[in-house]
């Protein structure tokens, strides 16, 4: 299968300035997903989609390719990663008309490994679907979530589940924000109808949006590396 990795990395991060290339335990943050994608051995090329020349230069230093700069209209605070991935697919298609799939990998994924990508790719090729996406199990049953009412009192959001034991409730999963494998059909139709999960361990999942998130991610990465967790 002709498949490419696309790492979206715009330059306009607000809460953490220049987050995608900020030093993370001795290396630019974006270098980690680039290395994971390259080491996985499943991609024709690893492409970084960015509007920022500095991010492009650093990405190329670590082995990715930046054959185009992203249009500013796709680099604002409101554009999601799917339209960016569609844009990258179409641009790659002019270089390689045989492209069959693309994997969007987040630049803020320092705990992602080549092995996770390789196993997810196997799931993607073995099952006919539009998308395989990374998910992880919620750490607490969401059926027993509580809300604060207008009088300031706590109430169960779904009171019918209050007496149930946690282990008796259906497991629920959240989007990890790590990677998404997309088929050519999904890209061309600009629509994802069938998605299969690739379950990630929670200790490799963190959303890095704030300085506090950054500190937590550094602590998690050190712990995971020291303990040699898979």
N, C-alpha and C. Protein backbone atom coordinates (compact mmCIF):
# COMPACT_ATOMS: atom_id res chain seq x y z
N UNK A 1 0.84 -1.20 0.00
CA UNK A 1 0.00 0.00 0.00
C UNK A 1 0.88 1.25 0.00
N UNK A 2 0.55 2.18 -0.86
CA UNK A 2 1.22 3.47 -0.86
C UNK A 2 0.55 4.35 0.18
N UNK A 3 1.26 4.61 1.27
CA UNK A 3 0.68 5.37 2.38
C UNK A 3 1.70 6.37 2.90
N UNK A 4 1.22 7.55 3.24
CA UNK A 4 2.08 8.62 3.73
C UNK A 4 1.64 9.05 5.12
N UNK A 5 2.59 9.53 5.90
CA UNK A 5 2.28 10.15 7.19
C UNK A 5 2.24 11.65 6.99
N UNK A 6 1.25 12.29 7.59
CA UNK A 6 1.13 13.75 7.56
C UNK A 6 1.10 14.26 8.99
N UNK A 7 2.04 15.11 9.35
CA UNK A 7 2.10 15.69 10.69
C UNK A 7 1.73 17.16 10.59
N UNK A 8 0.52 17.55 11.00
CA UNK A 8 0.14 18.97 10.97
C UNK A 8 0.87 19.73 12.08
N UNK A 9 1.47 20.86 11.73
CA UNK A 9 2.24 21.61 12.73
C UNK A 9 2.25 23.09 12.35
N UNK A 10 1.21 23.78 12.72
CA UNK A 10 1.17 25.21 12.40
C UNK A 10 2.03 26.00 13.38
N UNK A 11 2.36 27.22 13.00
CA UNK A 11 3.27 28.00 13.82
C UNK A 11 2.61 28.92 14.82
N UNK A 12 1.27 28.98 14.85
CA UNK A 12 0.59 29.99 15.64
C UNK A 12 0.10 29.54 17.00
N UNK A 13 0.82 28.69 17.70
CA UNK A 13 0.38 28.25 19.02
C UNK A 13 0.32 29.43 19.98
N UNK A 14 -0.80 29.55 20.68
CA UNK A 14 -1.02 30.71 21.54
C UNK A 14 -0.60 30.46 23.00
N UNK A 15 -1.08 29.35 23.58
CA UNK A 15 -0.85 29.15 25.02
C UNK A 15 0.59 28.70 25.33
N UNK A 16 1.21 27.96 24.40
CA UNK A 16 2.63 27.61 24.53
C UNK A 16 3.30 28.07 23.26
N UNK A 17 4.08 29.13 23.34
CA UNK A 17 4.67 29.73 22.15
C UNK A 17 5.55 28.75 21.40
N UNK A 18 5.30 28.66 20.09
CA UNK A 18 6.07 27.77 19.19
C UNK A 18 6.17 26.35 19.76
N UNK A 19 5.04 25.87 20.24
CA UNK A 19 4.97 24.58 20.93
C UNK A 19 5.58 23.43 20.14
N UNK A 20 5.29 23.36 18.86
CA UNK A 20 5.68 22.18 18.07
C UNK A 20 7.18 21.98 17.98
N UNK A 21 7.97 23.05 18.14
CA UNK A 21 9.42 22.91 18.05
C UNK A 21 10.10 23.29 19.37
N UNK A 22 9.33 23.47 20.42
CA UNK A 22 9.89 23.77 21.74
C UNK A 22 10.68 22.56 22.25
N UNK A 23 11.75 22.82 22.97
CA UNK A 23 12.59 21.75 23.49
C UNK A 23 11.82 20.89 24.49
N UNK A 24 11.78 19.59 24.21
CA UNK A 24 11.10 18.63 25.08
C UNK A 24 12.11 17.54 25.44
N UNK A 25 12.65 17.63 26.64
CA UNK A 25 13.64 16.67 27.12
C UNK A 25 14.83 16.54 26.16
N UNK A 26 15.28 17.69 25.66
CA UNK A 26 16.50 17.70 24.85
C UNK A 26 16.32 17.72 23.35
N UNK A 27 15.07 17.61 22.88
CA UNK A 27 14.82 17.61 21.43
C UNK A 27 13.55 18.38 21.14
N UNK A 28 13.41 18.91 19.91
CA UNK A 28 12.14 19.56 19.55
C UNK A 28 10.98 18.58 19.67
N UNK A 29 9.85 19.05 20.17
CA UNK A 29 8.69 18.18 20.38
C UNK A 29 8.32 17.41 19.12
N UNK A 30 8.34 18.07 17.98
CA UNK A 30 7.90 17.43 16.74
C UNK A 30 8.83 16.30 16.30
N UNK A 31 10.05 16.29 16.82
CA UNK A 31 11.00 15.24 16.39
C UNK A 31 10.55 13.86 16.85
N UNK A 32 9.78 13.78 17.92
CA UNK A 32 9.36 12.47 18.45
C UNK A 32 8.38 11.75 17.52
N UNK A 33 7.28 12.39 17.10
CA UNK A 33 6.40 11.69 16.15
C UNK A 33 7.08 11.47 14.79
N UNK A 34 7.96 12.37 14.39
CA UNK A 34 8.70 12.15 13.13
C UNK A 34 9.52 10.87 13.25
N UNK A 35 10.25 10.73 14.35
CA UNK A 35 11.07 9.53 14.55
C UNK A 35 10.22 8.27 14.61
N UNK A 36 9.09 8.34 15.32
CA UNK A 36 8.21 7.17 15.42
C UNK A 36 7.70 6.76 14.05
N UNK A 37 7.29 7.73 13.24
CA UNK A 37 6.76 7.43 11.91
C UNK A 37 7.84 6.84 11.00
N UNK A 38 9.04 7.42 11.04
CA UNK A 38 10.13 6.92 10.20
C UNK A 38 10.55 5.51 10.62
N UNK A 39 10.64 5.30 11.94
CA UNK A 39 11.10 4.01 12.45
C UNK A 39 10.08 2.90 12.20
N UNK A 40 8.81 3.25 12.11
CA UNK A 40 7.76 2.24 11.89
C UNK A 40 7.96 1.49 10.57
N UNK A 41 8.55 2.16 9.59
CA UNK A 41 8.82 1.52 8.31
C UNK A 41 7.61 1.28 7.44
N UNK A 42 6.49 1.92 7.75
CA UNK A 42 5.26 1.65 6.99
C UNK A 42 4.92 2.74 5.98
N UNK A 43 5.61 3.87 6.06
CA UNK A 43 5.24 5.01 5.23
C UNK A 43 6.21 5.24 4.07
N UNK A 44 5.63 5.61 2.92
CA UNK A 44 6.48 6.00 1.79
C UNK A 44 7.34 7.20 2.16
N UNK A 45 6.71 8.16 2.81
CA UNK A 45 7.39 9.35 3.30
C UNK A 45 6.63 9.92 4.48
N UNK A 46 7.33 10.69 5.29
CA UNK A 46 6.72 11.40 6.41
C UNK A 46 6.72 12.88 6.04
N UNK A 47 5.52 13.44 5.89
CA UNK A 47 5.33 14.82 5.43
C UNK A 47 4.88 15.68 6.61
N UNK A 48 5.47 16.84 6.76
CA UNK A 48 5.00 17.81 7.75
C UNK A 48 4.26 18.93 7.01
N UNK A 49 3.03 19.17 7.43
CA UNK A 49 2.22 20.24 6.85
C UNK A 49 2.28 21.43 7.78
N UNK A 50 2.98 22.48 7.37
CA UNK A 50 3.15 23.65 8.21
C UNK A 50 3.12 24.92 7.38
N UNK A 51 2.80 26.02 8.06
CA UNK A 51 2.85 27.35 7.45
C UNK A 51 4.08 28.11 7.89
N UNK A 52 4.92 27.45 8.72
CA UNK A 52 6.03 28.12 9.39
C UNK A 52 7.38 27.62 8.87
N UNK A 53 8.20 28.50 8.27
CA UNK A 53 9.50 28.08 7.73
C UNK A 53 10.44 27.47 8.78
N UNK A 54 10.39 27.96 10.02
CA UNK A 54 11.26 27.40 11.06
C UNK A 54 10.87 25.97 11.38
N UNK A 55 9.55 25.72 11.50
CA UNK A 55 9.08 24.35 11.75
C UNK A 55 9.49 23.45 10.59
N UNK A 56 9.38 23.97 9.36
CA UNK A 56 9.77 23.20 8.18
C UNK A 56 11.24 22.82 8.24
N UNK A 57 12.09 23.77 8.59
CA UNK A 57 13.54 23.52 8.65
C UNK A 57 13.89 22.48 9.71
N UNK A 58 13.28 22.61 10.89
CA UNK A 58 13.57 21.66 11.97
C UNK A 58 13.03 20.27 11.63
N UNK A 59 11.86 20.22 11.00
CA UNK A 59 11.28 18.93 10.61
C UNK A 59 12.17 18.21 9.62
N UNK A 60 12.69 18.93 8.66
CA UNK A 60 13.58 18.33 7.66
C UNK A 60 14.88 17.85 8.31
N UNK A 61 15.34 18.58 9.30
CA UNK A 61 16.56 18.18 10.02
C UNK A 61 16.39 16.81 10.65
N UNK A 62 15.17 16.49 11.09
CA UNK A 62 14.92 15.20 11.75
C UNK A 62 14.37 14.13 10.80
N UNK A 63 14.41 14.41 9.50
CA UNK A 63 14.12 13.36 8.53
C UNK A 63 12.80 13.45 7.82
N UNK A 64 11.93 14.38 8.21
CA UNK A 64 10.66 14.54 7.50
C UNK A 64 10.87 15.35 6.22
N UNK A 65 9.85 15.36 5.39
CA UNK A 65 9.89 16.15 4.17
C UNK A 65 8.81 17.23 4.24
N UNK A 66 9.12 18.38 3.68
CA UNK A 66 8.16 19.48 3.63
C UNK A 66 8.10 19.96 2.18
N UNK A 67 7.38 19.23 1.31
CA UNK A 67 7.35 19.57 -0.11
C UNK A 67 6.49 20.79 -0.44
N UNK A 68 5.74 21.28 0.57
CA UNK A 68 4.88 22.45 0.36
C UNK A 68 4.66 23.13 1.71
N UNK A 69 4.38 24.42 1.68
CA UNK A 69 3.95 25.13 2.89
C UNK A 69 2.43 25.24 2.88
N UNK A 70 1.83 25.05 4.03
CA UNK A 70 0.39 25.07 4.13
C UNK A 70 -0.15 26.49 3.94
N UNK A 71 -1.26 26.59 3.24
CA UNK A 71 -1.89 27.88 3.03
C UNK A 71 -2.36 28.46 4.36
N UNK A 72 -2.24 29.77 4.52
CA UNK A 72 -2.63 30.43 5.76
C UNK A 72 -4.10 30.20 6.12
N UNK A 73 -4.94 29.97 5.12
CA UNK A 73 -6.36 29.75 5.38
C UNK A 73 -6.60 28.44 6.13
N UNK A 74 -5.61 27.55 6.13
CA UNK A 74 -5.72 26.28 6.85
C UNK A 74 -4.84 26.26 8.09
N UNK A 75 -4.43 27.45 8.55
CA UNK A 75 -3.52 27.53 9.68
C UNK A 75 -4.03 28.46 10.78
N UNK A 76 -5.37 28.62 10.84
CA UNK A 76 -5.91 29.48 11.89
C UNK A 76 -6.30 28.65 13.12
N UNK A 77 -6.90 29.32 14.11
CA UNK A 77 -7.24 28.66 15.36
C UNK A 77 -8.46 27.75 15.26
N UNK A 78 -9.16 27.78 14.13
CA UNK A 78 -10.44 27.08 14.03
C UNK A 78 -10.42 25.89 13.06
N UNK A 79 -9.39 25.78 12.25
CA UNK A 79 -9.32 24.70 11.27
C UNK A 79 -8.89 23.40 11.94
N UNK A 80 -9.69 22.35 11.75
CA UNK A 80 -9.36 21.05 12.31
C UNK A 80 -8.30 20.33 11.50
N UNK A 81 -7.85 19.19 12.02
CA UNK A 81 -6.78 18.46 11.34
C UNK A 81 -7.28 17.67 10.12
N UNK A 82 -8.58 17.35 10.08
CA UNK A 82 -9.04 16.57 8.92
C UNK A 82 -8.93 17.36 7.62
N UNK A 83 -9.40 18.63 7.55
CA UNK A 83 -9.21 19.39 6.31
C UNK A 83 -7.74 19.58 5.96
N UNK A 84 -6.89 19.70 6.98
CA UNK A 84 -5.45 19.81 6.72
C UNK A 84 -4.92 18.51 6.12
N UNK A 85 -5.41 17.38 6.62
CA UNK A 85 -4.99 16.08 6.10
C UNK A 85 -5.49 15.89 4.67
N UNK A 86 -6.72 16.30 4.40
CA UNK A 86 -7.27 16.23 3.04
C UNK A 86 -6.40 17.07 2.09
N UNK A 87 -6.06 18.27 2.52
CA UNK A 87 -5.22 19.15 1.72
C UNK A 87 -3.86 18.50 1.43
N UNK A 88 -3.26 17.91 2.46
CA UNK A 88 -1.96 17.25 2.28
C UNK A 88 -2.08 16.06 1.32
N UNK A 89 -3.15 15.28 1.47
CA UNK A 89 -3.36 14.12 0.59
C UNK A 89 -3.41 14.56 -0.88
N UNK A 90 -4.17 15.60 -1.14
CA UNK A 90 -4.33 16.07 -2.52
C UNK A 90 -3.00 16.59 -3.09
N UNK A 91 -2.21 17.24 -2.24
CA UNK A 91 -0.91 17.74 -2.70
C UNK A 91 0.06 16.58 -2.94
N UNK A 92 0.03 15.59 -2.05
CA UNK A 92 0.89 14.41 -2.23
C UNK A 92 0.48 13.65 -3.49
N UNK A 93 -0.81 13.64 -3.76
CA UNK A 93 -1.34 12.92 -4.92
C UNK A 93 -0.76 13.45 -6.23
N UNK A 94 -0.40 14.73 -6.26
CA UNK A 94 0.22 15.29 -7.48
C UNK A 94 1.63 14.77 -7.66
N UNK A 95 2.24 14.32 -6.55
CA UNK A 95 3.59 13.76 -6.59
C UNK A 95 3.54 12.25 -6.78
N UNK A 96 2.60 11.61 -6.08
CA UNK A 96 2.44 10.16 -6.14
C UNK A 96 0.96 9.84 -6.40
N UNK A 97 0.56 9.69 -7.66
CA UNK A 97 -0.85 9.41 -7.98
C UNK A 97 -1.33 8.07 -7.42
N UNK A 98 -0.41 7.21 -6.97
CA UNK A 98 -0.78 5.89 -6.46
C UNK A 98 -1.09 5.89 -4.97
N UNK A 99 -1.04 7.02 -4.32
CA UNK A 99 -1.31 7.07 -2.88
C UNK A 99 -2.68 6.48 -2.57
N UNK A 100 -2.72 5.58 -1.58
CA UNK A 100 -3.95 4.87 -1.23
C UNK A 100 -4.49 5.24 0.15
N UNK A 101 -3.63 5.81 0.99
CA UNK A 101 -4.06 6.14 2.36
C UNK A 101 -3.10 7.15 2.95
N UNK A 102 -3.54 7.74 4.05
CA UNK A 102 -2.69 8.72 4.74
C UNK A 102 -2.94 8.59 6.24
N UNK A 103 -1.92 8.85 7.01
CA UNK A 103 -2.04 8.80 8.46
C UNK A 103 -1.69 10.17 9.03
N UNK A 104 -2.66 10.79 9.67
CA UNK A 104 -2.44 12.06 10.35
C UNK A 104 -1.89 11.76 11.74
N UNK A 105 -0.69 12.27 12.03
CA UNK A 105 -0.06 12.06 13.33
C UNK A 105 0.15 13.43 13.97
N UNK A 106 -0.29 13.58 15.21
CA UNK A 106 -0.17 14.88 15.86
C UNK A 106 1.29 15.18 16.22
N UNK A 107 1.65 16.45 16.06
CA UNK A 107 3.01 16.88 16.39
C UNK A 107 3.29 16.79 17.89
N UNK A 108 2.22 16.86 18.68
CA UNK A 108 2.35 16.85 20.14
C UNK A 108 2.15 15.44 20.69
N UNK A 109 2.91 14.48 20.15
CA UNK A 109 2.77 13.08 20.56
C UNK A 109 4.12 12.48 20.91
N UNK A 110 4.79 12.98 21.96
CA UNK A 110 6.13 12.49 22.28
C UNK A 110 6.16 11.07 22.83
N UNK A 111 5.01 10.54 23.26
CA UNK A 111 4.97 9.20 23.84
C UNK A 111 4.50 8.14 22.85
N UNK A 112 4.26 8.54 21.62
CA UNK A 112 3.86 7.59 20.58
C UNK A 112 5.10 6.82 20.11
N UNK A 113 4.92 5.52 19.83
CA UNK A 113 6.05 4.71 19.38
C UNK A 113 5.80 4.15 17.98
N UNK A 114 6.89 3.73 17.36
CA UNK A 114 6.80 3.10 16.04
C UNK A 114 5.96 1.83 16.10
N UNK A 115 6.06 1.11 17.21
CA UNK A 115 5.32 -0.14 17.36
C UNK A 115 3.81 0.11 17.37
N UNK A 116 3.38 1.16 18.04
CA UNK A 116 1.95 1.48 18.04
C UNK A 116 1.46 1.77 16.63
N UNK A 117 2.23 2.54 15.89
CA UNK A 117 1.84 2.86 14.51
C UNK A 117 1.80 1.60 13.65
N UNK A 118 2.79 0.73 13.82
CA UNK A 118 2.84 -0.49 13.01
C UNK A 118 1.65 -1.40 13.29
N UNK A 119 1.30 -1.54 14.57
CA UNK A 119 0.15 -2.39 14.92
C UNK A 119 -1.16 -1.79 14.43
N UNK A 120 -1.28 -0.46 14.53
CA UNK A 120 -2.49 0.20 14.05
C UNK A 120 -2.61 0.08 12.53
N UNK A 121 -1.48 0.16 11.85
CA UNK A 121 -1.47 0.02 10.40
C UNK A 121 -1.94 -1.39 10.00
N UNK A 122 -1.52 -2.39 10.76
CA UNK A 122 -1.96 -3.76 10.49
C UNK A 122 -3.47 -3.87 10.64
N UNK A 123 -4.03 -3.26 11.68
CA UNK A 123 -5.48 -3.25 11.85
C UNK A 123 -6.16 -2.55 10.68
N UNK A 124 -5.57 -1.46 10.24
CA UNK A 124 -6.12 -0.68 9.14
C UNK A 124 -6.16 -1.49 7.85
N UNK A 125 -5.10 -2.21 7.55
CA UNK A 125 -5.04 -2.99 6.31
C UNK A 125 -5.87 -4.27 6.38
N UNK A 126 -6.08 -4.78 7.58
CA UNK A 126 -6.84 -6.03 7.73
C UNK A 126 -8.35 -5.81 7.78
N UNK A 127 -8.77 -4.58 7.99
CA UNK A 127 -10.20 -4.29 8.12
C UNK A 127 -10.60 -3.19 7.15
N UNK A 128 -11.69 -3.43 6.43
CA UNK A 128 -12.17 -2.44 5.49
C UNK A 128 -12.95 -1.36 6.26
N UNK A 129 -12.35 -0.20 6.38
CA UNK A 129 -13.00 0.90 7.08
C UNK A 129 -12.41 2.21 6.58
N UNK A 130 -13.10 3.29 6.89
CA UNK A 130 -12.61 4.61 6.48
C UNK A 130 -11.44 5.08 7.33
N UNK A 131 -11.44 4.65 8.60
CA UNK A 131 -10.48 5.22 9.53
C UNK A 131 -10.16 4.25 10.66
N UNK A 132 -8.90 4.25 11.09
CA UNK A 132 -8.50 3.65 12.36
C UNK A 132 -7.91 4.78 13.20
N UNK A 133 -8.46 5.00 14.39
CA UNK A 133 -8.01 6.11 15.21
C UNK A 133 -7.59 5.63 16.59
N UNK A 134 -6.65 6.35 17.17
CA UNK A 134 -6.17 6.02 18.51
C UNK A 134 -7.19 6.47 19.55
N UNK A 135 -7.47 5.57 20.49
CA UNK A 135 -8.38 5.88 21.60
C UNK A 135 -7.77 5.31 22.88
N UNK A 136 -8.28 5.77 24.01
CA UNK A 136 -7.93 5.15 25.29
C UNK A 136 -9.19 5.11 26.15
N UNK A 137 -9.19 4.18 27.08
CA UNK A 137 -10.35 4.02 27.96
C UNK A 137 -10.41 5.17 28.96
N UNK A 138 -11.61 5.68 29.23
CA UNK A 138 -11.76 6.67 30.28
C UNK A 138 -11.34 6.04 31.61
N UNK A 139 -10.67 6.81 32.44
CA UNK A 139 -10.15 6.28 33.70
C UNK A 139 -11.25 6.07 34.74
N UNK A 140 -12.41 6.68 34.53
CA UNK A 140 -13.53 6.55 35.46
C UNK A 140 -14.81 6.39 34.65
N UNK A 141 -15.76 5.57 35.10
CA UNK A 141 -16.99 5.38 34.32
C UNK A 141 -17.74 6.69 34.10
N UNK A 142 -17.90 7.09 32.84
CA UNK A 142 -18.55 8.36 32.56
C UNK A 142 -20.05 8.30 32.88
N UNK A 143 -20.60 7.07 33.00
CA UNK A 143 -22.02 6.94 33.34
C UNK A 143 -22.30 7.45 34.76
N UNK A 144 -21.24 7.54 35.58
CA UNK A 144 -21.42 7.99 36.95
C UNK A 144 -20.91 9.41 37.15
N UNK A 145 -20.84 10.16 36.08
CA UNK A 145 -20.44 11.57 36.17
C UNK A 145 -21.48 12.37 36.95
N UNK A 146 -21.00 13.41 37.62
CA UNK A 146 -21.90 14.25 38.38
C UNK A 146 -21.90 15.68 37.83
N UNK A 147 -23.01 16.35 38.01
CA UNK A 147 -23.15 17.72 37.56
C UNK A 147 -23.55 18.59 38.74
N UNK A 148 -23.34 19.88 38.63
CA UNK A 148 -23.74 20.83 39.67
C UNK A 148 -25.00 21.54 39.19
N UNK A 149 -26.07 21.44 39.96
CA UNK A 149 -27.33 22.05 39.53
C UNK A 149 -27.35 23.55 39.82
N UNK A 150 -28.43 24.20 39.47
CA UNK A 150 -28.52 25.66 39.58
C UNK A 150 -28.47 26.14 41.03
N UNK A 151 -28.70 25.22 41.97
CA UNK A 151 -28.64 25.58 43.38
C UNK A 151 -27.29 25.25 44.02
N UNK A 152 -26.40 24.73 43.20
CA UNK A 152 -25.05 24.43 43.69
C UNK A 152 -24.88 23.06 44.28
N UNK A 153 -25.89 22.17 44.10
CA UNK A 153 -25.81 20.82 44.64
C UNK A 153 -25.33 19.84 43.56
N UNK A 154 -24.65 18.79 44.05
CA UNK A 154 -24.20 17.74 43.14
C UNK A 154 -25.32 16.75 42.87
N UNK A 155 -25.43 16.36 41.60
CA UNK A 155 -26.39 15.32 41.20
C UNK A 155 -25.75 14.45 40.14
N UNK A 156 -26.13 13.18 40.15
CA UNK A 156 -25.66 12.30 39.09
C UNK A 156 -26.26 12.75 37.76
N UNK A 157 -25.43 12.78 36.74
CA UNK A 157 -25.93 13.14 35.41
C UNK A 157 -26.88 12.07 34.89
N UNK A 158 -26.57 10.81 35.20
CA UNK A 158 -27.43 9.67 34.82
C UNK A 158 -27.71 8.87 36.08
N UNK A 159 -28.69 9.29 36.88
CA UNK A 159 -28.92 8.69 38.20
C UNK A 159 -29.22 7.20 38.16
N UNK A 160 -29.69 6.70 37.02
CA UNK A 160 -30.00 5.27 36.96
C UNK A 160 -28.77 4.38 37.11
N UNK A 161 -27.57 4.99 36.87
CA UNK A 161 -26.34 4.20 36.99
C UNK A 161 -25.68 4.34 38.36
N UNK A 162 -26.22 5.19 39.23
CA UNK A 162 -25.61 5.45 40.53
C UNK A 162 -25.40 4.18 41.37
N UNK A 163 -26.36 3.26 41.42
CA UNK A 163 -26.16 2.07 42.27
C UNK A 163 -25.31 0.97 41.63
N UNK A 164 -24.95 1.14 40.36
CA UNK A 164 -24.22 0.09 39.66
C UNK A 164 -22.74 0.11 40.03
N UNK A 165 -22.13 -1.06 40.11
CA UNK A 165 -20.69 -1.13 40.36
C UNK A 165 -19.93 -0.69 39.10
N UNK A 166 -18.78 -0.08 39.30
CA UNK A 166 -18.00 0.42 38.17
C UNK A 166 -17.69 -0.69 37.17
N UNK A 167 -17.34 -1.87 37.67
CA UNK A 167 -16.96 -2.97 36.78
C UNK A 167 -18.13 -3.53 35.98
N UNK A 168 -19.36 -3.16 36.37
CA UNK A 168 -20.54 -3.64 35.64
C UNK A 168 -20.98 -2.69 34.53
N UNK A 169 -20.35 -1.53 34.46
CA UNK A 169 -20.73 -0.54 33.46
C UNK A 169 -19.91 -0.72 32.19
N UNK A 170 -20.53 -0.38 31.07
CA UNK A 170 -19.86 -0.52 29.78
C UNK A 170 -18.64 0.40 29.70
N UNK A 171 -17.54 -0.13 29.19
CA UNK A 171 -16.34 0.69 29.03
C UNK A 171 -16.57 1.76 27.96
N UNK A 172 -16.03 2.92 28.20
CA UNK A 172 -16.15 4.02 27.25
C UNK A 172 -14.75 4.53 26.89
N UNK A 173 -14.64 5.07 25.69
CA UNK A 173 -13.33 5.45 25.17
C UNK A 173 -13.33 6.89 24.67
N UNK A 174 -12.16 7.50 24.70
CA UNK A 174 -12.00 8.86 24.22
C UNK A 174 -10.95 8.92 23.11
N UNK A 175 -11.09 9.90 22.26
CA UNK A 175 -10.11 10.15 21.21
C UNK A 175 -8.80 10.57 21.87
N UNK A 176 -7.71 9.87 21.52
CA UNK A 176 -6.40 10.17 22.12
C UNK A 176 -5.77 11.43 21.53
N UNK A 177 -6.14 11.77 20.30
CA UNK A 177 -5.46 12.86 19.64
C UNK A 177 -4.02 12.52 19.31
N UNK A 178 -3.76 11.27 18.91
CA UNK A 178 -2.40 10.85 18.55
C UNK A 178 -2.26 10.61 17.05
N UNK A 179 -3.14 9.75 16.50
CA UNK A 179 -3.05 9.47 15.07
C UNK A 179 -4.38 8.97 14.52
N UNK A 180 -4.52 9.10 13.18
CA UNK A 180 -5.72 8.68 12.47
C UNK A 180 -5.29 8.17 11.10
N UNK A 181 -5.55 6.91 10.82
CA UNK A 181 -5.32 6.37 9.48
C UNK A 181 -6.60 6.59 8.66
N UNK A 182 -6.46 7.18 7.48
CA UNK A 182 -7.61 7.44 6.61
C UNK A 182 -7.43 6.75 5.26
N UNK A 183 -8.51 6.17 4.77
CA UNK A 183 -8.49 5.57 3.44
C UNK A 183 -8.61 6.65 2.37
N UNK A 184 -8.22 6.30 1.17
CA UNK A 184 -8.36 7.22 0.03
C UNK A 184 -9.82 7.58 -0.18
N UNK A 185 -10.71 6.60 0.01
CA UNK A 185 -12.14 6.83 -0.20
C UNK A 185 -12.67 7.89 0.76
N UNK A 186 -12.25 7.82 2.03
CA UNK A 186 -12.71 8.78 3.02
C UNK A 186 -12.23 10.19 2.67
N UNK A 187 -10.98 10.27 2.21
CA UNK A 187 -10.42 11.56 1.84
C UNK A 187 -11.15 12.14 0.64
N UNK A 188 -11.37 11.32 -0.36
CA UNK A 188 -12.01 11.81 -1.59
C UNK A 188 -13.47 12.18 -1.36
N UNK A 189 -14.13 11.48 -0.46
CA UNK A 189 -15.53 11.80 -0.15
C UNK A 189 -15.63 12.90 0.93
N UNK A 190 -14.48 13.24 1.51
CA UNK A 190 -14.44 14.23 2.58
C UNK A 190 -15.39 13.86 3.71
N UNK A 191 -15.43 12.57 4.00
CA UNK A 191 -16.37 12.06 4.99
C UNK A 191 -15.89 10.73 5.57
N UNK A 192 -15.97 10.60 6.88
CA UNK A 192 -15.59 9.36 7.56
C UNK A 192 -16.85 8.72 8.14
N UNK A 193 -17.19 7.53 7.64
CA UNK A 193 -18.42 6.86 8.09
C UNK A 193 -18.14 5.66 8.98
N UNK A 194 -17.04 4.96 8.73
CA UNK A 194 -16.73 3.77 9.54
C UNK A 194 -15.35 3.93 10.16
N UNK A 195 -15.30 3.82 11.48
CA UNK A 195 -14.05 4.00 12.22
C UNK A 195 -13.83 2.84 13.19
N UNK A 196 -12.64 2.30 13.16
CA UNK A 196 -12.26 1.27 14.11
C UNK A 196 -11.26 1.84 15.12
N UNK A 197 -11.30 1.33 16.37
CA UNK A 197 -10.41 1.88 17.39
C UNK A 197 -9.07 1.16 17.45
N UNK A 198 -8.04 1.90 17.78
CA UNK A 198 -6.79 1.29 18.21
C UNK A 198 -6.56 1.77 19.64
N UNK A 199 -6.64 0.85 20.58
CA UNK A 199 -6.63 1.22 22.00
C UNK A 199 -5.20 1.43 22.50
N UNK A 200 -4.95 2.63 22.97
CA UNK A 200 -3.64 3.01 23.51
C UNK A 200 -3.67 2.93 25.03
N UNK A 201 -2.52 2.62 25.65
CA UNK A 201 -2.45 2.70 27.12
C UNK A 201 -2.53 4.16 27.56
N UNK A 202 -3.23 4.41 28.66
CA UNK A 202 -3.45 5.79 29.10
C UNK A 202 -2.16 6.52 29.44
N UNK A 203 -1.13 5.77 29.86
CA UNK A 203 0.11 6.44 30.25
C UNK A 203 0.90 6.98 29.05
N UNK A 204 0.41 6.74 27.86
CA UNK A 204 1.06 7.33 26.67
C UNK A 204 0.19 8.40 26.02
N UNK A 205 -0.81 8.87 26.76
CA UNK A 205 -1.75 9.84 26.20
C UNK A 205 -1.81 11.09 27.05
N UNK A 206 -1.51 12.23 26.46
CA UNK A 206 -1.71 13.52 27.14
C UNK A 206 -1.90 14.60 26.09
N UNK A 207 -2.84 15.49 26.37
CA UNK A 207 -3.13 16.60 25.46
C UNK A 207 -2.31 17.81 25.91
N UNK A 208 -1.31 18.19 25.11
CA UNK A 208 -0.40 19.27 25.52
C UNK A 208 -0.91 20.60 24.97
N UNK A 209 -1.66 21.32 25.81
CA UNK A 209 -2.20 22.61 25.41
C UNK A 209 -1.74 23.75 26.31
N UNK A 210 -1.42 23.45 27.56
CA UNK A 210 -1.07 24.48 28.53
C UNK A 210 0.31 24.20 29.12
N UNK A 211 0.93 25.20 29.78
CA UNK A 211 2.21 24.95 30.45
C UNK A 211 2.13 23.82 31.47
N UNK A 212 0.98 23.70 32.15
CA UNK A 212 0.80 22.60 33.09
C UNK A 212 0.82 21.26 32.37
N UNK A 213 0.14 21.17 31.22
CA UNK A 213 0.17 19.96 30.41
C UNK A 213 1.61 19.61 30.03
N UNK A 214 2.37 20.63 29.68
CA UNK A 214 3.75 20.42 29.25
C UNK A 214 4.57 19.76 30.37
N UNK A 215 4.44 20.29 31.58
CA UNK A 215 5.17 19.73 32.71
C UNK A 215 4.74 18.29 32.98
N UNK A 216 3.44 18.04 32.88
CA UNK A 216 2.93 16.69 33.09
C UNK A 216 3.46 15.74 32.03
N UNK A 217 3.51 16.19 30.78
CA UNK A 217 4.01 15.36 29.69
C UNK A 217 5.48 15.02 29.90
N UNK A 218 6.27 15.99 30.35
CA UNK A 218 7.69 15.74 30.62
C UNK A 218 7.84 14.68 31.72
N UNK A 219 7.05 14.82 32.78
CA UNK A 219 7.11 13.85 33.89
C UNK A 219 6.70 12.47 33.42
N UNK A 220 5.63 12.40 32.62
CA UNK A 220 5.16 11.11 32.12
C UNK A 220 6.21 10.46 31.22
N UNK A 221 6.82 11.26 30.33
CA UNK A 221 7.81 10.72 29.40
C UNK A 221 9.02 10.16 30.16
N UNK A 222 9.47 10.88 31.17
CA UNK A 222 10.61 10.40 31.98
C UNK A 222 10.26 9.09 32.66
N UNK A 223 9.07 9.03 33.24
CA UNK A 223 8.64 7.82 33.95
C UNK A 223 8.51 6.63 33.00
N UNK A 224 7.87 6.85 31.87
CA UNK A 224 7.67 5.77 30.89
C UNK A 224 9.02 5.26 30.38
N UNK A 225 9.93 6.16 30.10
CA UNK A 225 11.25 5.75 29.62
C UNK A 225 12.06 5.03 30.70
N UNK A 226 12.01 5.55 31.93
CA UNK A 226 12.77 4.92 33.02
C UNK A 226 12.26 3.53 33.33
N UNK A 227 10.94 3.32 33.18
CA UNK A 227 10.35 2.02 33.52
C UNK A 227 10.28 1.08 32.32
N UNK A 228 10.70 1.59 31.15
CA UNK A 228 10.68 0.78 29.92
C UNK A 228 9.30 0.22 29.61
N UNK A 229 8.27 1.03 29.80
CA UNK A 229 6.92 0.60 29.48
C UNK A 229 6.77 0.48 27.97
N UNK A 230 5.93 -0.46 27.55
CA UNK A 230 5.67 -0.63 26.12
C UNK A 230 4.69 0.44 25.66
